[in-house]
Amino acid sequence: AGGQQLRSLLYNLRVYAFYILEGWDPATQTLVAQIGTGGPDHSSWLSCKKRRSEARKVYYISPTCRGSEVAGDTASALAAIALVLKAEEGATSAALQTRPATAALQIYNFGNNY
């Protein structure tokens, strides 16, 4: 069971990393910080399928709309994922490790600068 749990964990870490990476644009230094509005989203009893069709506000951080705490949390999550993949899979997933590690450094520097 431990082997399957580890495989599931690594899979979920990859999914989460790709989700974060979709929200980062290094060219414009823009990162998605939040999708939706907390109050209305959490008070809705609609099913996920119905909720997906609703317009939802997207909040970004950028050089003109700063959010170093969001950048720091995001960078540390990506760095941690890269380290776990490296420790558990070594060279097998080197390409998968590089992308989150590179983005982690970019996002860290972004948060440090803005």
C-alpha atoms as a PDB file:
ATOM      1  CA  ALA A   1       0.000   0.000   0.000  1.00  0.00           C
ATOM      2  CA  GLY A   2       2.906   2.374   0.730  1.00  0.00           C
ATOM      3  CA  GLY A   3       4.162   2.238  -2.844  1.00  0.00           C
ATOM      4  CA  GLN A   4       0.748   3.084  -4.253  1.00  0.00           C
ATOM      5  CA  GLN A   5       0.316   5.908  -1.757  1.00  0.00           C
ATOM      6  CA  LEU A   6       3.687   7.364  -2.754  1.00  0.00           C
ATOM      7  CA  ARG A   7       2.794   7.139  -6.455  1.00  0.00           C
ATOM      8  CA  SER A   8      -0.512   8.878  -5.723  1.00  0.00           C
ATOM      9  CA  LEU A   9       1.258  11.585  -3.736  1.00  0.00           C
ATOM     10  CA  LEU A  10       3.800  12.221  -6.511  1.00  0.00           C
ATOM     11  CA  TYR A  11       1.014  12.343  -9.095  1.00  0.00           C
ATOM     12  CA  ASN A  12      -0.938  14.871  -6.999  1.00  0.00           C
ATOM     13  CA  LEU A  13       2.171  17.013  -6.508  1.00  0.00           C
ATOM     14  CA  ARG A  14       2.698  17.100 -10.276  1.00  0.00           C
ATOM     15  CA  VAL A  15      -0.940  18.079 -10.874  1.00  0.00           C
ATOM     16  CA  TYR A  16      -0.677  20.851  -8.297  1.00  0.00           C
ATOM     17  CA  ALA A  17       2.618  22.083  -9.782  1.00  0.00           C
ATOM     18  CA  PHE A  18       1.140  22.238 -13.275  1.00  0.00           C
ATOM     19  CA  TYR A  19      -1.908  24.058 -11.906  1.00  0.00           C
ATOM     20  CA  ILE A  20       0.324  26.707 -10.330  1.00  0.00           C
ATOM     21  CA  LEU A  21       2.520  26.936 -13.426  1.00  0.00           C
ATOM     22  CA  GLU A  22      -0.533  27.678 -15.589  1.00  0.00           C
ATOM     23  CA  GLY A  23      -1.073  30.815 -13.514  1.00  0.00           C
ATOM     24  CA  TRP A  24       2.481  32.166 -13.855  1.00  0.00           C
ATOM     25  CA  ASP A  25       3.587  34.254 -16.833  1.00  0.00           C
ATOM     26  CA  PRO A  26       7.295  35.051 -16.504  1.00  0.00           C
ATOM     27  CA  ALA A  27       7.217  37.386 -19.517  1.00  0.00           C
ATOM     28  CA  THR A  28       4.722  39.756 -17.898  1.00  0.00           C
ATOM     29  CA  GLN A  29       5.621  38.867 -14.285  1.00  0.00           C
ATOM     30  CA  THR A  30       1.974  38.046 -13.565  1.00  0.00           C
ATOM     31  CA  LEU A  31       0.728  35.364 -11.178  1.00  0.00           C
ATOM     32  CA  VAL A  32      -2.846  34.278 -10.523  1.00  0.00           C
ATOM     33  CA  ALA A  33      -3.390  34.790  -6.810  1.00  0.00           C
ATOM     34  CA  GLN A  34      -7.039  33.779  -6.468  1.00  0.00           C
ATOM     35  CA  ILE A  35      -9.961  32.651  -8.581  1.00  0.00           C
ATOM     36  CA  GLY A  36     -13.394  33.592  -7.340  1.00  0.00           C
ATOM     37  CA  THR A  37     -14.572  35.621  -4.392  1.00  0.00           C
ATOM     38  CA  GLY A  38     -14.433  33.926  -1.012  1.00  0.00           C
ATOM     39  CA  GLY A  39     -17.818  34.849   0.420  1.00  0.00           C
ATOM     40  CA  PRO A  40     -20.072  34.094  -2.551  1.00  0.00           C
ATOM     41  CA  ASP A  41     -18.059  31.044  -3.600  1.00  0.00           C
ATOM     42  CA  HIS A  42     -18.168  29.430  -0.172  1.00  0.00           C
ATOM     43  CA  SER A  43     -21.826  30.205   0.419  1.00  0.00           C
ATOM     44  CA  SER A  44     -22.930  28.565  -2.846  1.00  0.00           C
ATOM     45  CA  TRP A  45     -24.485  25.125  -2.745  1.00  0.00           C
ATOM     46  CA  LEU A  46     -24.293  24.687  -6.510  1.00  0.00           C
ATOM     47  CA  SER A  47     -22.586  21.593  -7.828  1.00  0.00           C
ATOM     48  CA  CYS A  48     -19.127  22.021  -9.334  1.00  0.00           C
ATOM     49  CA  LYS A  49     -20.520  21.483 -12.839  1.00  0.00           C
ATOM     50  CA  LYS A  50     -23.010  24.333 -12.445  1.00  0.00           C
ATOM     51  CA  ARG A  51     -20.467  26.578 -10.772  1.00  0.00           C
ATOM     52  CA  ARG A  52     -17.948  26.146 -13.616  1.00  0.00           C
ATOM     53  CA  SER A  53     -20.275  27.986 -15.978  1.00  0.00           C
ATOM     54  CA  GLU A  54     -20.530  31.041 -13.733  1.00  0.00           C
ATOM     55  CA  ALA A  55     -18.240  34.003 -14.369  1.00  0.00           C
ATOM     56  CA  ARG A  56     -15.642  34.187 -11.608  1.00  0.00           C
ATOM     57  CA  LYS A  57     -13.296  37.039 -10.857  1.00  0.00           C
ATOM     58  CA  VAL A  58      -9.576  36.315 -11.189  1.00  0.00           C
ATOM     59  CA  TYR A  59      -7.126  38.198  -8.983  1.00  0.00           C
ATOM     60  CA  TYR A  60      -3.529  38.647 -10.139  1.00  0.00           C
ATOM     61  CA  ILE A  61      -0.331  39.950  -8.662  1.00  0.00           C
ATOM     62  CA  SER A  62       2.050  41.811 -10.933  1.00  0.00           C
ATOM     63  CA  PRO A  63       4.650  44.589 -10.775  1.00  0.00           C
ATOM     64  CA  THR A  64       1.782  47.095 -10.477  1.00  0.00           C
ATOM     65  CA  CYS A  65      -0.362  44.994  -8.112  1.00  0.00           C
ATOM     66  CA  ARG A  66       2.054  43.573  -5.599  1.00  0.00           C
ATOM     67  CA  GLY A  67       1.690  40.509  -3.416  1.00  0.00           C
ATOM     68  CA  SER A  68       4.995  39.316  -2.023  1.00  0.00           C
ATOM     69  CA  GLU A  69       3.331  36.955   0.469  1.00  0.00           C
ATOM     70  CA  VAL A  70       1.459  35.169  -2.325  1.00  0.00           C
ATOM     71  CA  ALA A  71       4.625  35.015  -4.406  1.00  0.00           C
ATOM     72  CA  GLY A  72       6.618  33.637  -1.477  1.00  0.00           C
ATOM     73  CA  ASP A  73       4.068  30.938  -0.679  1.00  0.00           C
ATOM     74  CA  THR A  74       3.812  29.959  -4.340  1.00  0.00           C
ATOM     75  CA  ALA A  75       7.588  29.861  -4.810  1.00  0.00           C
ATOM     76  CA  SER A  76       8.089  27.719  -1.715  1.00  0.00           C
ATOM     77  CA  ALA A  77       5.379  25.267  -2.816  1.00  0.00           C
ATOM     78  CA  LEU A  78       6.955  24.849  -6.251  1.00  0.00           C
ATOM     79  CA  ALA A  79      10.450  24.493  -4.777  1.00  0.00           C
ATOM     80  CA  ALA A  80       9.230  21.862  -2.323  1.00  0.00           C
ATOM     81  CA  ILE A  81       7.551  19.909  -5.112  1.00  0.00           C
ATOM     82  CA  ALA A  82      10.745  19.995  -7.188  1.00  0.00           C
ATOM     83  CA  LEU A  83      12.766  18.748  -4.201  1.00  0.00           C
ATOM     84  CA  VAL A  84      10.355  15.893  -3.470  1.00  0.00           C
ATOM     85  CA  LEU A  85      10.384  14.815  -7.125  1.00  0.00           C
ATOM     86  CA  LYS A  86      14.183  14.924  -7.139  1.00  0.00           C
ATOM     87  CA  ALA A  87      14.457  12.916  -3.907  1.00  0.00           C
ATOM     88  CA  GLU A  88      11.908  10.289  -4.951  1.00  0.00           C
ATOM     89  CA  GLU A  89      12.503   9.991  -8.687  1.00  0.00           C
ATOM     90  CA  GLY A  90      16.013  11.291  -9.302  1.00  0.00           C
ATOM     91  CA  ALA A  91      16.905  11.646 -12.962  1.00  0.00           C
ATOM     92  CA  THR A  92      13.707   9.882 -14.047  1.00  0.00           C
ATOM     93  CA  SER A  93      11.726  13.119 -13.769  1.00  0.00           C
ATOM     94  CA  ALA A  94      14.516  15.660 -14.295  1.00  0.00           C
ATOM     95  CA  ALA A  95      12.460  17.648 -16.811  1.00  0.00           C
ATOM     96  CA  LEU A  96       9.487  17.701 -14.430  1.00  0.00           C
ATOM     97  CA  GLN A  97      11.755  18.931 -11.644  1.00  0.00           C
ATOM     98  CA  THR A  98      13.309  21.708 -13.716  1.00  0.00           C
ATOM     99  CA  ARG A  99      10.133  23.554 -14.641  1.00  0.00           C
ATOM    100  CA  PRO A 100       8.789  24.004 -11.082  1.00  0.00           C
ATOM    101  CA  ALA A 101      12.282  24.759  -9.759  1.00  0.00           C
ATOM    102  CA  THR A 102      12.857  27.431 -12.417  1.00  0.00           C
ATOM    103  CA  ALA A 103       9.430  28.981 -11.841  1.00  0.00           C
ATOM    104  CA  ALA A 104      10.014  28.899  -8.067  1.00  0.00           C
ATOM    105  CA  LEU A 105      13.154  30.986  -8.476  1.00  0.00           C
ATOM    106  CA  GLN A 106      11.437  33.397 -10.881  1.00  0.00           C
ATOM    107  CA  ILE A 107       8.439  33.838  -8.591  1.00  0.00           C
ATOM    108  CA  TYR A 108      10.668  34.218  -5.522  1.00  0.00           C
ATOM    109  CA  ASN A 109      12.653  36.957  -7.282  1.00  0.00           C
ATOM    110  CA  PHE A 110       9.423  38.612  -8.400  1.00  0.00           C
ATOM    111  CA  GLY A 111       8.119  38.655  -4.823  1.00  0.00           C
ATOM    112  CA  ASN A 112      11.439  39.900  -3.507  1.00  0.00           C
ATOM    113  CA  ASN A 113      11.521  42.745  -6.043  1.00  0.00           C
ATOM    114  CA  TYR A 114       7.882  43.793  -5.774  1.00  0.00           C
END
